N, C-alpha and C. Protein backbone atom coordinates (compact mmCIF):
# COMPACT_ATOMS: atom_id res chain seq x y z
N MET A 1 89.51 84.68 106.31
CA MET A 1 87.83 84.77 106.38
C MET A 1 87.86 86.31 107.31
N VAL A 2 86.24 86.15 107.27
CA VAL A 2 85.68 87.42 107.69
C VAL A 2 84.55 86.86 108.37
N LYS A 3 84.61 87.21 109.80
CA LYS A 3 83.47 86.57 110.37
C LYS A 3 81.91 87.55 110.20
N THR A 4 81.11 86.99 110.27
CA THR A 4 79.50 87.64 109.42
C THR A 4 78.73 86.80 110.49
N SER A 5 77.67 87.62 111.08
CA SER A 5 76.20 86.76 111.25
C SER A 5 75.39 86.89 110.75
N VAL A 6 74.19 85.79 111.03
CA VAL A 6 72.77 85.62 110.37
C VAL A 6 71.82 85.35 111.15
N TYR A 7 71.27 85.77 111.31
CA TYR A 7 69.60 85.36 111.87
C TYR A 7 68.78 84.20 111.06
N LEU A 8 68.48 82.75 111.49
CA LEU A 8 67.60 82.02 110.98
C LEU A 8 66.44 81.46 112.05
N ASP A 9 65.51 81.40 111.15
CA ASP A 9 64.27 81.27 111.99
C ASP A 9 64.60 79.50 112.80
N GLU A 10 63.38 79.04 113.33
CA GLU A 10 63.22 78.00 113.97
C GLU A 10 64.37 76.56 113.24
N GLU A 11 63.07 76.84 111.59
CA GLU A 11 62.85 75.79 110.88
C GLU A 11 64.32 75.99 110.05
N GLN A 12 64.78 76.92 109.63
CA GLN A 12 66.07 77.22 109.33
C GLN A 12 67.39 76.49 109.87
N LYS A 13 67.05 76.82 111.08
CA LYS A 13 68.02 75.87 112.35
C LYS A 13 68.00 74.72 111.91
N ALA A 14 66.86 74.06 112.53
CA ALA A 14 66.66 72.64 112.51
C ALA A 14 66.66 72.12 111.33
N ARG A 15 66.53 72.55 110.04
CA ARG A 15 67.14 72.12 108.61
C ARG A 15 68.26 71.67 108.43
N LEU A 16 69.51 73.09 109.05
CA LEU A 16 70.32 73.24 109.12
C LEU A 16 71.31 72.17 110.08
N ASP A 17 70.61 71.74 111.37
CA ASP A 17 71.43 70.93 111.65
C ASP A 17 71.29 69.59 111.14
N GLU A 18 70.04 69.68 110.54
CA GLU A 18 69.76 68.11 110.03
C GLU A 18 70.66 67.57 108.74
N ALA A 19 71.17 68.67 107.97
CA ALA A 19 71.72 68.61 106.74
C ALA A 19 73.18 68.54 107.31
N SER A 20 73.59 69.14 108.58
CA SER A 20 75.03 68.98 108.76
C SER A 20 74.93 67.40 109.01
N ALA A 21 74.32 67.07 110.08
CA ALA A 21 74.73 65.80 110.53
C ALA A 21 74.53 64.72 109.40
N VAL A 22 73.60 64.80 108.42
CA VAL A 22 73.49 63.85 107.52
C VAL A 22 74.69 63.80 106.47
N SER A 23 75.16 64.94 106.34
CA SER A 23 76.17 65.37 105.57
C SER A 23 77.80 65.19 105.89
N GLY A 24 77.49 65.31 107.51
CA GLY A 24 78.85 65.32 108.14
C GLY A 24 80.07 66.80 107.94
N LEU A 25 79.03 67.76 107.02
CA LEU A 25 79.86 68.61 106.92
C LEU A 25 79.32 70.05 108.13
N SER A 26 80.26 70.78 108.36
CA SER A 26 79.81 71.78 109.31
C SER A 26 78.76 72.78 109.01
N GLN A 27 77.89 73.35 110.16
CA GLN A 27 76.70 74.10 109.72
C GLN A 27 77.87 75.13 108.64
N ALA A 28 78.92 75.53 109.27
CA ALA A 28 79.81 76.90 108.10
C ALA A 28 79.63 76.12 107.34
N SER A 29 80.49 75.48 106.64
CA SER A 29 80.75 74.85 105.45
C SER A 29 79.48 74.77 104.63
N LEU A 30 78.40 74.44 105.48
CA LEU A 30 77.52 74.41 104.06
C LEU A 30 76.46 75.67 104.11
N ILE A 31 76.49 76.80 105.03
CA ILE A 31 76.01 78.32 105.31
C ILE A 31 76.95 78.70 103.54
N ARG A 32 78.45 78.70 104.01
CA ARG A 32 79.31 79.27 102.79
C ARG A 32 79.07 78.44 101.46
N GLN A 33 78.61 77.05 101.66
CA GLN A 33 78.01 76.46 100.12
C GLN A 33 77.07 76.92 99.65
N GLY A 34 76.04 77.46 100.30
CA GLY A 34 74.77 78.22 100.07
C GLY A 34 75.01 79.31 99.62
N ILE A 35 75.77 80.73 100.16
CA ILE A 35 76.09 81.57 99.67
C ILE A 35 76.96 81.60 98.23
N ASP A 36 77.64 80.72 98.41
CA ASP A 36 78.44 80.75 96.75
C ASP A 36 77.63 80.11 95.47
N GLN A 37 76.26 79.51 96.08
CA GLN A 37 75.01 78.90 95.21
C GLN A 37 74.62 80.52 94.65
N VAL A 38 74.15 80.83 95.96
CA VAL A 38 73.20 82.36 95.82
C VAL A 38 74.26 83.03 94.69
N ILE A 39 75.42 83.80 95.04
CA ILE A 39 76.04 84.55 94.48
C ILE A 39 76.49 84.13 92.90
N GLN A 40 76.61 82.78 92.38
CA GLN A 40 76.91 82.07 91.07
C GLN A 40 75.55 82.33 90.74
N ASP A 41 74.34 81.92 90.81
CA ASP A 41 73.19 82.14 90.54
C ASP A 41 72.65 83.92 90.11
N GLN A 42 72.96 84.49 91.12
CA GLN A 42 72.88 86.06 91.10
C GLN A 42 73.72 87.04 89.75
N LEU A 43 74.96 86.32 89.75
CA LEU A 43 76.20 86.72 89.14
C LEU A 43 76.12 86.34 87.37
N ARG A 44 75.27 85.31 87.70
CA ARG A 44 75.58 84.41 85.92
C ARG A 44 75.85 85.44 84.99
N VAL A 45 76.39 85.51 83.90
CA VAL A 45 76.30 85.80 82.82
C VAL A 45 75.40 85.65 81.93
N ARG A 46 74.37 86.71 81.81
CA ARG A 46 73.16 86.87 81.21
C ARG A 46 73.53 86.85 79.66
N PRO A 47 72.52 86.13 78.66
CA PRO A 47 73.28 86.62 77.11
C PRO A 47 72.34 87.98 76.81
N ARG A 48 73.61 88.49 75.98
CA ARG A 48 73.73 89.38 75.41
C ARG A 48 72.77 89.92 74.64
N MET A 49 71.84 90.87 74.34
CA MET A 49 70.76 91.18 73.68
C MET A 49 71.04 91.49 72.29
N LYS A 50 70.16 90.90 71.46
CA LYS A 50 70.10 90.90 69.84
C LYS A 50 70.09 92.19 69.52
N ALA A 51 69.37 92.92 69.97
CA ALA A 51 69.07 94.30 69.81
C ALA A 51 69.62 95.42 70.40
N ARG A 52 69.83 96.35 69.54
CA ARG A 52 70.82 97.33 70.26
C ARG A 52 69.84 98.75 70.77
N ALA A 53 69.76 98.52 71.97
CA ALA A 53 68.37 99.57 72.91
C ALA A 53 68.94 101.02 72.26
N HIS A 54 69.96 101.52 72.30
CA HIS A 54 70.31 102.52 71.98
C HIS A 54 70.50 103.16 70.55
N ALA A 55 69.95 102.03 69.63
CA ALA A 55 69.99 102.27 68.24
C ALA A 55 69.28 103.50 68.40
N PRO A 56 69.41 104.58 67.25
CA PRO A 56 68.83 105.89 66.87
C PRO A 56 67.53 105.49 66.51
N GLU A 57 67.39 104.41 65.48
CA GLU A 57 65.72 104.12 65.30
C GLU A 57 64.97 103.77 66.03
N MET A 58 65.50 103.27 67.10
CA MET A 58 64.12 102.76 68.10
C MET A 58 64.31 103.95 69.13
N VAL A 59 65.05 104.64 69.25
CA VAL A 59 64.56 105.98 70.50
C VAL A 59 63.24 107.11 70.59
N GLY A 60 62.44 106.90 71.19
CA GLY A 60 61.47 107.22 71.36
C GLY A 60 59.99 106.70 70.76
N ARG A 61 60.76 105.31 70.09
CA ARG A 61 59.52 104.43 69.71
C ARG A 61 59.36 103.01 70.29
N VAL A 62 59.65 103.40 71.88
CA VAL A 62 59.51 102.28 72.40
C VAL A 62 57.67 101.55 72.60
N GLU A 63 57.21 102.78 72.75
CA GLU A 63 55.50 101.92 72.68
C GLU A 63 55.06 101.73 71.49
N ASP A 64 55.46 102.35 70.22
CA ASP A 64 55.03 101.70 68.58
C ASP A 64 55.79 100.42 68.59
N LEU A 65 56.69 100.02 69.12
CA LEU A 65 57.39 99.14 68.93
C LEU A 65 56.84 97.80 69.25
N LEU A 66 56.03 97.94 71.28
CA LEU A 66 55.76 97.35 71.50
C LEU A 66 54.26 96.88 71.27
N ASP A 67 53.23 97.69 70.67
CA ASP A 67 52.10 97.85 70.25
C ASP A 67 51.71 96.28 70.05
N ASP A 68 52.28 95.92 69.12
CA ASP A 68 51.84 94.71 68.06
C ASP A 68 52.80 93.58 68.52
N LEU A 69 53.25 93.50 69.72
CA LEU A 69 53.76 92.43 70.67
C LEU A 69 53.18 91.40 70.62
N GLY A 70 53.19 90.43 70.18
CA GLY A 70 52.17 89.07 70.44
C GLY A 70 51.09 89.21 69.47
N SER A 71 50.82 90.24 68.53
CA SER A 71 49.66 89.62 67.67
C SER A 71 50.18 88.89 66.50
N GLU A 72 49.17 88.94 65.88
CA GLU A 72 49.73 88.33 64.35
C GLU A 72 50.18 89.03 63.23
N ALA A 73 50.31 90.44 63.50
CA ALA A 73 50.65 91.43 62.56
C ALA A 73 52.21 91.31 62.65
N SER A 74 52.68 91.41 63.59
CA SER A 74 54.26 91.14 64.16
C SER A 74 55.19 89.84 63.76
N ALA A 75 53.89 88.95 63.28
CA ALA A 75 54.74 87.38 63.35
C ALA A 75 55.42 87.49 61.40
């Protein structure tokens, strides 16, 4: 493991103390779990786009293609 430091405000520290007491887990363990969750959320695989943004027929037409977005004409 690598040591790192973070600063918590007083409310975060109090809540962390409470969570640690209730769960029986160390504060360090709870912090690591929280970091794991953030990493998982941020690096989640996003669905692939259905359209190819670099398709030649779309290059230079972004404004035209978006003009009717949401209008009845595009339905």
